[in-house]
Every structure is written in C-alpha cells, then in structure tokens.
Amino acid sequence: MSYLEGHRQRLRDRFNGSGLSAFEDHEVLELLLTYAVPRKDVKPIARALLDRFGSLANVLDTPAAELAKVDGIGDFAATLLNLMPALTRRYLRVRWGHKPQLGTREDLIRFAVDELSTANNEVFLLILLTHENHVLRALPLIEGSIDSAPVYPRLVVEAALRHRAAKVVFAHNHPGGRAEPSQNDIAVTNRLVGVFESIGIPVIDHLIVAGPQAFSMAGAGLLESAGTNAAG
C-alpha cells in the first residue's frame, strides 16, 4: 500500500472508529475528497478550499461553479461538497417521520432548529398544526437576503387556510446572528397574531433560530395574545 493509499485508509478508519469529533476541518474535507478525487494527495486541495472560502461551512455552501475554480476540484468533487448541506437538511426532516406530534415547546424548538439551522439566508417558516399538534406542513414561505425576510400577511394566511391548519407556529432564522427577536420581529409577529385571531386560528409561538439555538417569543411573553392550546 502506498503512502497516499495508507493516509486515505487511516482517515476512513478514524471516522469509522470515532466519527468526526477528533477531525480538524481540513481533515473532514480530505475525507470527503477521497471519494471524488482519485490518485491525488487531497490535503493541499482541502487546505486551499479553506484558505479561499474561510471555513468548512462556507466551503460546503459555495456553489459548485465557484468551488471548481480551486485547482484539483472537478465536477464530481464540487457536486459531492454541495451535496452535504442538502443531505443534512433531508436527513433532519426525514428523521422526524410523517406528521410528527409537537406536543411541547421543546418539541417545537427542536423541529424549528432542524428545519432552519442550516439555511444560508433568512427564511420565514410557517408550521401548520392539527388540533392535536401534529404537523400538517412546514412551509418555508419567504426567503430574503441574509439581513431580512419580508413577511406578507396575506401569503401566510392563505397558506394556513389552504391546508386547513388548526394552529400555526412561526419560525425564522438569523444566519450568523443571535437567537433573539428584533423590535421589527416583535411588531410583525403581533400584527400577524391579530390577523390570525380574526380568522379563528391561534398563533402558538414565533421561534427565532440561530444555529443550534432558538428563542421562544411565547415563552418570553412577547406575544400580545396567544392561543389557549399552546404547547407548554
């Protein structure tokens, strides 16, 4: 076995033995690239990716066309790297199963974090629930820039009525920011609460997600009025 083959095998053995917990970011990229770049030392390529894009997350989020500008990255490697965030999002959603029941505030928070924590831009997510708190749909209705996602009440209300939701939960993310609402978040939320109350659909919560963290506006008492069947 050559040194190159041995190094690749050692990376795989380390992962199979203890996962990625002891890996440096460049080693994670090395391991991925061994499956797309044959017969070449991928360590310099991994380091070049990190030098150019700044972090592992940035590398995985960079469009394939930009990744391919790095020497040694071809179509297969660029596609594999882009696949990782998309696969993570799919895995997190599938893990919940069909129409999961979100019976507590903690369930709502975990669900919202799984839905939004890997999004690059700010997304407004509408979670539609049955009377028994089963998820009918989780709809990423509005995607904005990294700074803001404008919320249009008519669009949100129409989605809830179309899917016959008994209750709704709002969630949106602050990519690269903090899990706490802005004054605009609070104002927009309470306008929406009023609109939904007028059609008899309670708003259970509005969750602000930043990475693995989340803030519950209902839990903080920031909703001017909330449904009586809110998750506890």
C-alpha atoms as a PDB file:
ATOM      1  CA  MET A   1       0.000   0.000   0.000  1.00  0.00           C
ATOM      2  CA  SER A   2       1.394   3.404  -0.980  1.00  0.00           C
ATOM      3  CA  TYR A   3       1.655   6.306   1.487  1.00  0.00           C
ATOM      4  CA  LEU A   4      -1.279   8.026  -0.258  1.00  0.00           C
ATOM      5  CA  GLU A   5      -3.473   4.940  -0.038  1.00  0.00           C
ATOM      6  CA  GLY A   6      -2.443   4.433   3.580  1.00  0.00           C
ATOM      7  CA  HIS A   7      -3.311   8.030   4.512  1.00  0.00           C
ATOM      8  CA  ARG A   8      -6.746   7.723   2.935  1.00  0.00           C
ATOM      9  CA  GLN A   9      -7.366   4.459   4.742  1.00  0.00           C
ATOM     10  CA  ARG A  10      -6.288   5.966   8.056  1.00  0.00           C
ATOM     11  CA  LEU A  11      -8.804   8.786   7.614  1.00  0.00           C
ATOM     12  CA  ARG A  12     -11.576   6.265   6.988  1.00  0.00           C
ATOM     13  CA  ASP A  13     -10.506   4.115   9.925  1.00  0.00           C
ATOM     14  CA  ARG A  14     -10.525   7.137  12.254  1.00  0.00           C
ATOM     15  CA  PHE A  15     -14.006   8.087  11.118  1.00  0.00           C
ATOM     16  CA  ASN A  16     -15.299   4.525  11.452  1.00  0.00           C
ATOM     17  CA  GLY A  17     -13.789   4.321  14.925  1.00  0.00           C
ATOM     18  CA  SER A  18     -14.896   7.605  16.476  1.00  0.00           C
ATOM     19  CA  GLY A  19     -16.741   9.751  13.940  1.00  0.00           C
ATOM     20  CA  LEU A  20     -15.687  13.303  13.147  1.00  0.00           C
ATOM     21  CA  SER A  21     -15.250  14.559  16.719  1.00  0.00           C
ATOM     22  CA  ALA A  22     -11.437  14.480  16.588  1.00  0.00           C
ATOM     23  CA  PHE A  23     -11.131  15.692  12.977  1.00  0.00           C
ATOM     24  CA  GLU A  24      -9.840  19.113  12.018  1.00  0.00           C
ATOM     25  CA  ASP A  25     -11.887  20.886   9.345  1.00  0.00           C
ATOM     26  CA  HIS A  26      -9.276  20.242   6.665  1.00  0.00           C
ATOM     27  CA  GLU A  27      -9.373  16.533   7.530  1.00  0.00           C
ATOM     28  CA  VAL A  28     -13.158  16.454   7.083  1.00  0.00           C
ATOM     29  CA  LEU A  29     -12.681  17.889   3.613  1.00  0.00           C
ATOM     30  CA  GLU A  30      -9.847  15.463   2.924  1.00  0.00           C
ATOM     31  CA  LEU A  31     -12.071  12.524   3.822  1.00  0.00           C
ATOM     32  CA  LEU A  32     -14.850  13.754   1.545  1.00  0.00           C
ATOM     33  CA  LEU A  33     -12.474  14.440  -1.317  1.00  0.00           C
ATOM     34  CA  THR A  34     -11.015  10.926  -1.199  1.00  0.00           C
ATOM     35  CA  TYR A  35     -14.321   9.751  -2.673  1.00  0.00           C
ATOM     36  CA  ALA A  36     -14.216  12.180  -5.603  1.00  0.00           C
ATOM     37  CA  VAL A  37     -10.530  12.806  -6.351  1.00  0.00           C
ATOM     38  CA  PRO A  38      -8.681   9.571  -7.179  1.00  0.00           C
ATOM     39  CA  ARG A  39      -4.918   9.047  -7.093  1.00  0.00           C
ATOM     40  CA  LYS A  40      -4.038  12.511  -5.811  1.00  0.00           C
ATOM     41  CA  ASP A  41      -2.994  13.988  -2.476  1.00  0.00           C
ATOM     42  CA  VAL A  42      -6.135  15.851  -1.388  1.00  0.00           C
ATOM     43  CA  LYS A  43      -4.631  17.549   1.673  1.00  0.00           C
ATOM     44  CA  PRO A  44      -3.374  20.598  -0.315  1.00  0.00           C
ATOM     45  CA  ILE A  45      -6.770  20.826  -2.038  1.00  0.00           C
ATOM     46  CA  ALA A  46      -8.605  20.771   1.301  1.00  0.00           C
ATOM     47  CA  ARG A  47      -6.363  23.492   2.708  1.00  0.00           C
ATOM     48  CA  ALA A  48      -6.748  25.576  -0.458  1.00  0.00           C
ATOM     49  CA  LEU A  49     -10.538  25.392  -0.117  1.00  0.00           C
ATOM     50  CA  LEU A  50     -10.407  26.587   3.483  1.00  0.00           C
ATOM     51  CA  ASP A  51      -7.927  29.340   2.640  1.00  0.00           C
ATOM     52  CA  ARG A  52     -10.125  30.597  -0.172  1.00  0.00           C
ATOM     53  CA  PHE A  53     -13.571  30.342   1.427  1.00  0.00           C
ATOM     54  CA  GLY A  54     -12.709  30.781   5.097  1.00  0.00           C
ATOM     55  CA  SER A  55     -14.485  27.919   6.853  1.00  0.00           C
ATOM     56  CA  LEU A  56     -15.835  24.419   6.389  1.00  0.00           C
ATOM     57  CA  ALA A  57     -19.402  25.753   6.328  1.00  0.00           C
ATOM     58  CA  ASN A  58     -18.516  28.301   3.657  1.00  0.00           C
ATOM     59  CA  VAL A  59     -16.868  25.625   1.526  1.00  0.00           C
ATOM     60  CA  LEU A  60     -19.933  23.380   1.672  1.00  0.00           C
ATOM     61  CA  ASP A  61     -22.284  26.299   0.951  1.00  0.00           C
ATOM     62  CA  THR A  62     -20.310  27.669  -2.011  1.00  0.00           C
ATOM     63  CA  PRO A  63     -21.855  26.990  -5.450  1.00  0.00           C
ATOM     64  CA  ALA A  64     -20.193  24.255  -7.466  1.00  0.00           C
ATOM     65  CA  ALA A  65     -19.060  26.678 -10.170  1.00  0.00           C
ATOM     66  CA  GLU A  66     -17.038  28.649  -7.612  1.00  0.00           C
ATOM     67  CA  LEU A  67     -15.610  25.517  -5.998  1.00  0.00           C
ATOM     68  CA  ALA A  68     -14.434  24.321  -9.402  1.00  0.00           C
ATOM     69  CA  LYS A  69     -12.144  27.355  -9.654  1.00  0.00           C
ATOM     70  CA  VAL A  70      -9.912  25.779  -7.000  1.00  0.00           C
ATOM     71  CA  ASP A  71      -7.165  23.686  -8.542  1.00  0.00           C
ATOM     72  CA  GLY A  72      -7.945  19.991  -8.158  1.00  0.00           C
ATOM     73  CA  ILE A  73     -11.714  20.392  -7.755  1.00  0.00           C
ATOM     74  CA  GLY A  74     -13.639  18.882 -10.652  1.00  0.00           C
ATOM     75  CA  ASP A  75     -17.347  18.408 -11.240  1.00  0.00           C
ATOM     76  CA  PHE A  76     -17.583  15.263  -9.102  1.00  0.00           C
ATOM     77  CA  ALA A  77     -15.834  16.844  -6.120  1.00  0.00           C
ATOM     78  CA  ALA A  78     -17.823  20.091  -6.341  1.00  0.00           C
ATOM     79  CA  THR A  79     -21.104  18.173  -6.526  1.00  0.00           C
ATOM     80  CA  LEU A  80     -20.149  15.986  -3.567  1.00  0.00           C
ATOM     81  CA  LEU A  81     -19.329  19.026  -1.429  1.00  0.00           C
ATOM     82  CA  ASN A  82     -22.604  20.735  -2.378  1.00  0.00           C
ATOM     83  CA  LEU A  83     -24.488  17.538  -1.595  1.00  0.00           C
ATOM     84  CA  MET A  84     -23.518  17.598   2.091  1.00  0.00           C
ATOM     85  CA  PRO A  85     -25.727  20.506   3.322  1.00  0.00           C
ATOM     86  CA  ALA A  86     -28.661  19.338   1.190  1.00  0.00           C
ATOM     87  CA  LEU A  87     -28.305  15.797   2.507  1.00  0.00           C
ATOM     88  CA  THR A  88     -28.152  17.086   6.086  1.00  0.00           C
ATOM     89  CA  ARG A  89     -31.388  19.030   5.633  1.00  0.00           C
ATOM     90  CA  ARG A  90     -33.105  15.999   4.109  1.00  0.00           C
ATOM     91  CA  TYR A  91     -31.871  13.734   6.912  1.00  0.00           C
ATOM     92  CA  LEU A  92     -33.075  16.085   9.648  1.00  0.00           C
ATOM     93  CA  ARG A  93     -36.523  16.330   8.078  1.00  0.00           C
ATOM     94  CA  VAL A  94     -36.924  12.604   7.397  1.00  0.00           C
ATOM     95  CA  ARG A  95     -35.826  11.743  10.931  1.00  0.00           C
ATOM     96  CA  TRP A  96     -38.999  13.352  12.302  1.00  0.00           C
ATOM     97  CA  GLY A  97     -41.194  10.961  10.332  1.00  0.00           C
ATOM     98  CA  HIS A  98     -44.605  11.665   8.807  1.00  0.00           C
ATOM     99  CA  LYS A  99     -46.723  14.299  10.582  1.00  0.00           C
ATOM    100  CA  PRO A 100     -44.804  14.310  13.874  1.00  0.00           C
ATOM    101  CA  GLN A 101     -46.570  15.474  17.009  1.00  0.00           C
ATOM    102  CA  LEU A 102     -45.034  18.570  18.590  1.00  0.00           C
ATOM    103  CA  GLY A 103     -46.654  18.436  21.985  1.00  0.00           C
ATOM    104  CA  THR A 104     -44.288  20.670  23.945  1.00  0.00           C
ATOM    105  CA  ARG A 105     -42.397  23.896  23.391  1.00  0.00           C
ATOM    106  CA  GLU A 106     -39.181  21.867  23.443  1.00  0.00           C
ATOM    107  CA  ASP A 107     -40.511  19.750  20.551  1.00  0.00           C
ATOM    108  CA  LEU A 108     -41.348  22.899  18.594  1.00  0.00           C
ATOM    109  CA  ILE A 109     -37.883  24.314  19.184  1.00  0.00           C
ATOM    110  CA  ARG A 110     -36.085  21.130  18.124  1.00  0.00           C
ATOM    111  CA  PHE A 111     -38.224  20.906  14.991  1.00  0.00           C
ATOM    112  CA  ALA A 112     -37.607  24.544  14.041  1.00  0.00           C
ATOM    113  CA  VAL A 113     -33.863  24.241  14.643  1.00  0.00           C
ATOM    114  CA  ASP A 114     -33.689  21.148  12.432  1.00  0.00           C
ATOM    115  CA  GLU A 115     -35.612  22.955   9.691  1.00  0.00           C
ATOM    116  CA  LEU A 116     -33.713  26.247   9.759  1.00  0.00           C
ATOM    117  CA  SER A 117     -30.276  25.885  11.324  1.00  0.00           C
ATOM    118  CA  THR A 118     -28.509  25.046   8.041  1.00  0.00           C
ATOM    119  CA  ALA A 119     -30.197  27.734   5.908  1.00  0.00           C
ATOM    120  CA  ASN A 120     -27.839  30.354   4.468  1.00  0.00           C
ATOM    121  CA  ASN A 121     -30.419  33.110   4.052  1.00  0.00           C
ATOM    122  CA  GLU A 122     -33.130  34.326   6.361  1.00  0.00           C
ATOM    123  CA  VAL A 123     -36.241  32.192   5.905  1.00  0.00           C
ATOM    124  CA  PHE A 124     -39.746  32.607   7.323  1.00  0.00           C
ATOM    125  CA  LEU A 125     -41.128  29.150   8.138  1.00  0.00           C
ATOM    126  CA  LEU A 126     -44.829  28.528   8.719  1.00  0.00           C
ATOM    127  CA  ILE A 127     -45.519  25.380  10.753  1.00  0.00           C
ATOM    128  CA  LEU A 128     -49.130  24.247  10.391  1.00  0.00           C
ATOM    129  CA  LEU A 129     -50.590  22.061  13.143  1.00  0.00           C
ATOM    130  CA  THR A 130     -53.703  19.997  13.754  1.00  0.00           C
ATOM    131  CA  HIS A 131     -55.744  20.326  16.950  1.00  0.00           C
ATOM    132  CA  GLU A 132     -53.576  17.511  18.389  1.00  0.00           C
ATOM    133  CA  ASN A 133     -50.328  19.323  17.455  1.00  0.00           C
ATOM    134  CA  HIS A 134     -49.417  17.035  14.547  1.00  0.00           C
ATOM    135  CA  VAL A 135     -47.514  18.796  11.773  1.00  0.00           C
ATOM    136  CA  LEU A 136     -49.598  19.212   8.632  1.00  0.00           C
ATOM    137  CA  ARG A 137     -46.912  21.099   6.744  1.00  0.00           C
ATOM    138  CA  ALA A 138     -43.765  23.089   7.418  1.00  0.00           C
ATOM    139  CA  LEU A 139     -43.658  25.688   4.667  1.00  0.00           C
ATOM    140  CA  PRO A 140     -40.616  27.908   4.015  1.00  0.00           C
ATOM    141  CA  LEU A 141     -42.806  30.666   2.632  1.00  0.00           C
ATOM    142  CA  ILE A 142     -40.444  33.581   2.278  1.00  0.00           C
ATOM    143  CA  GLU A 143     -36.696  33.720   1.751  1.00  0.00           C
ATOM    144  CA  GLY A 144     -34.897  37.021   1.906  1.00  0.00           C
ATOM    145  CA  SER A 145     -31.356  38.254   1.992  1.00  0.00           C
ATOM    146  CA  ILE A 146     -29.122  37.442   4.933  1.00  0.00           C
ATOM    147  CA  ASP A 147     -30.419  40.643   6.553  1.00  0.00           C
ATOM    148  CA  SER A 148     -34.173  40.317   6.284  1.00  0.00           C
ATOM    149  CA  ALA A 149     -37.123  38.270   5.056  1.00  0.00           C
ATOM    150  CA  PRO A 150     -40.157  40.498   4.442  1.00  0.00           C
ATOM    151  CA  VAL A 151     -43.365  38.866   5.705  1.00  0.00           C
ATOM    152  CA  TYR A 152     -46.584  39.325   3.769  1.00  0.00           C
ATOM    153  CA  PRO A 153     -49.651  38.584   5.944  1.00  0.00           C
ATOM    154  CA  ARG A 154     -51.888  37.622   3.030  1.00  0.00           C
ATOM    155  CA  LEU A 155     -49.429  34.970   1.822  1.00  0.00           C
ATOM    156  CA  VAL A 156     -49.127  33.490   5.313  1.00  0.00           C
ATOM    157  CA  VAL A 157     -52.876  33.464   5.984  1.00  0.00           C
ATOM    158  CA  GLU A 158     -53.689  31.935   2.595  1.00  0.00           C
ATOM    159  CA  ALA A 159     -51.244  29.092   3.238  1.00  0.00           C
ATOM    160  CA  ALA A 160     -52.803  28.334   6.635  1.00  0.00           C
ATOM    161  CA  LEU A 161     -56.334  28.341   5.215  1.00  0.00           C
ATOM    162  CA  ARG A 162     -55.378  26.281   2.172  1.00  0.00           C
ATOM    163  CA  HIS A 163     -54.013  23.489   4.357  1.00  0.00           C
ATOM    164  CA  ARG A 164     -56.799  23.798   6.970  1.00  0.00           C
ATOM    165  CA  ALA A 165     -54.481  24.393   9.892  1.00  0.00           C
ATOM    166  CA  ALA A 166     -55.983  24.407  13.374  1.00  0.00           C
ATOM    167  CA  LYS A 167     -52.970  26.234  14.837  1.00  0.00           C
ATOM    168  CA  VAL A 168     -49.819  27.836  13.486  1.00  0.00           C
ATOM    169  CA  VAL A 169     -46.275  28.426  14.631  1.00  0.00           C
ATOM    170  CA  PHE A 170     -43.965  30.957  13.015  1.00  0.00           C
ATOM    171  CA  ALA A 171     -40.219  30.475  12.880  1.00  0.00           C
ATOM    172  CA  HIS A 172     -37.405  32.288  11.182  1.00  0.00           C
ATOM    173  CA  ASN A 173     -33.653  32.205  11.354  1.00  0.00           C
ATOM    174  CA  HIS A 174     -30.906  34.747  11.912  1.00  0.00           C
ATOM    175  CA  PRO A 175     -27.976  33.304   9.914  1.00  0.00           C
ATOM    176  CA  GLY A 176     -24.748  34.266  11.609  1.00  0.00           C
ATOM    177  CA  GLY A 177     -26.683  36.271  14.186  1.00  0.00           C
ATOM    178  CA  ARG A 178     -28.198  35.831  17.623  1.00  0.00           C
ATOM    179  CA  ALA A 179     -31.286  33.879  18.622  1.00  0.00           C
ATOM    180  CA  GLU A 180     -33.284  36.851  19.813  1.00  0.00           C
ATOM    181  CA  PRO A 181     -36.023  38.922  18.168  1.00  0.00           C
ATOM    182  CA  SER A 182     -35.563  42.422  16.843  1.00  0.00           C
ATOM    183  CA  GLN A 183     -38.161  45.096  17.512  1.00  0.00           C
ATOM    184  CA  ASN A 184     -39.326  44.588  13.932  1.00  0.00           C
ATOM    185  CA  ASP A 185     -39.693  40.835  14.561  1.00  0.00           C
ATOM    186  CA  ILE A 186     -41.920  41.557  17.552  1.00  0.00           C
ATOM    187  CA  ALA A 187     -44.025  44.129  15.697  1.00  0.00           C
ATOM    188  CA  VAL A 188     -44.540  41.937  12.612  1.00  0.00           C
ATOM    189  CA  THR A 189     -45.358  38.921  14.764  1.00  0.00           C
ATOM    190  CA  ASN A 190     -48.043  40.715  16.729  1.00  0.00           C
ATOM    191  CA  ARG A 191     -49.608  42.078  13.543  1.00  0.00           C
ATOM    192  CA  LEU A 192     -49.806  38.505  12.283  1.00  0.00           C
ATOM    193  CA  VAL A 193     -51.221  37.307  15.613  1.00  0.00           C
ATOM    194  CA  GLY A 194     -54.036  39.834  15.248  1.00  0.00           C
ATOM    195  CA  VAL A 195     -54.775  38.762  11.678  1.00  0.00           C
ATOM    196  CA  PHE A 196     -54.875  35.080  12.612  1.00  0.00           C
ATOM    197  CA  GLU A 197     -57.056  35.702  15.650  1.00  0.00           C
ATOM    198  CA  SER A 198     -59.576  37.419  13.376  1.00  0.00           C
ATOM    199  CA  ILE A 199     -59.996  34.159  11.417  1.00  0.00           C
ATOM    200  CA  GLY A 200     -60.003  31.898  14.476  1.00  0.00           C
ATOM    201  CA  ILE A 201     -56.549  30.312  14.129  1.00  0.00           C
ATOM    202  CA  PRO A 202     -54.346  30.673  17.225  1.00  0.00           C
ATOM    203  CA  VAL A 203     -50.671  31.507  16.873  1.00  0.00           C
ATOM    204  CA  ILE A 204     -48.806  29.260  19.293  1.00  0.00           C
ATOM    205  CA  ASP A 205     -45.333  30.780  19.076  1.00  0.00           C
ATOM    206  CA  HIS A 206     -42.735  32.541  16.985  1.00  0.00           C
ATOM    207  CA  LEU A 207     -39.305  30.933  17.244  1.00  0.00           C
ATOM    208  CA  ILE A 208     -36.074  32.714  16.337  1.00  0.00           C
ATOM    209  CA  VAL A 209     -33.324  30.285  15.293  1.00  0.00           C
ATOM    210  CA  ALA A 210     -29.595  30.980  15.112  1.00  0.00           C
ATOM    211  CA  GLY A 211     -27.538  27.858  14.516  1.00  0.00           C
ATOM    212  CA  PRO A 212     -28.402  25.329  17.244  1.00  0.00           C
ATOM    213  CA  GLN A 213     -30.010  27.978  19.473  1.00  0.00           C
ATOM    214  CA  ALA A 214     -33.625  29.145  19.480  1.00  0.00           C
ATOM    215  CA  PHE A 215     -35.678  31.798  21.255  1.00  0.00           C
ATOM    216  CA  SER A 216     -39.392  31.406  22.009  1.00  0.00           C
ATOM    217  CA  MET A 217     -41.333  34.650  21.838  1.00  0.00           C
ATOM    218  CA  ALA A 218     -44.294  32.994  23.569  1.00  0.00           C
ATOM    219  CA  GLY A 219     -42.025  31.694  26.303  1.00  0.00           C
ATOM    220  CA  ALA A 220     -40.675  35.209  26.821  1.00  0.00           C
ATOM    221  CA  GLY A 221     -44.175  36.711  26.963  1.00  0.00           C
ATOM    222  CA  LEU A 222     -43.694  38.748  23.782  1.00  0.00           C
ATOM    223  CA  LEU A 223     -46.871  37.656  22.005  1.00  0.00           C
ATOM    224  CA  GLU A 224     -49.663  40.118  22.713  1.00  0.00           C
ATOM    225  CA  SER A 225     -52.144  37.258  22.526  1.00  0.00           C
ATOM    226  CA  ALA A 226     -51.541  33.536  22.114  1.00  0.00           C
ATOM    227  CA  GLY A 227     -53.721  30.502  21.578  1.00  0.00           C
ATOM    228  CA  THR A 228     -55.073  28.738  24.621  1.00  0.00           C
ATOM    229  CA  ASN A 229     -53.834  25.378  23.309  1.00  0.00           C
ATOM    230  CA  ALA A 230     -50.189  26.394  23.083  1.00  0.00           C
ATOM    231  CA  ALA A 231     -47.558  23.762  23.668  1.00  0.00           C
ATOM    232  CA  GLY A 232     -46.131  24.052  27.142  1.00  0.00           C
END
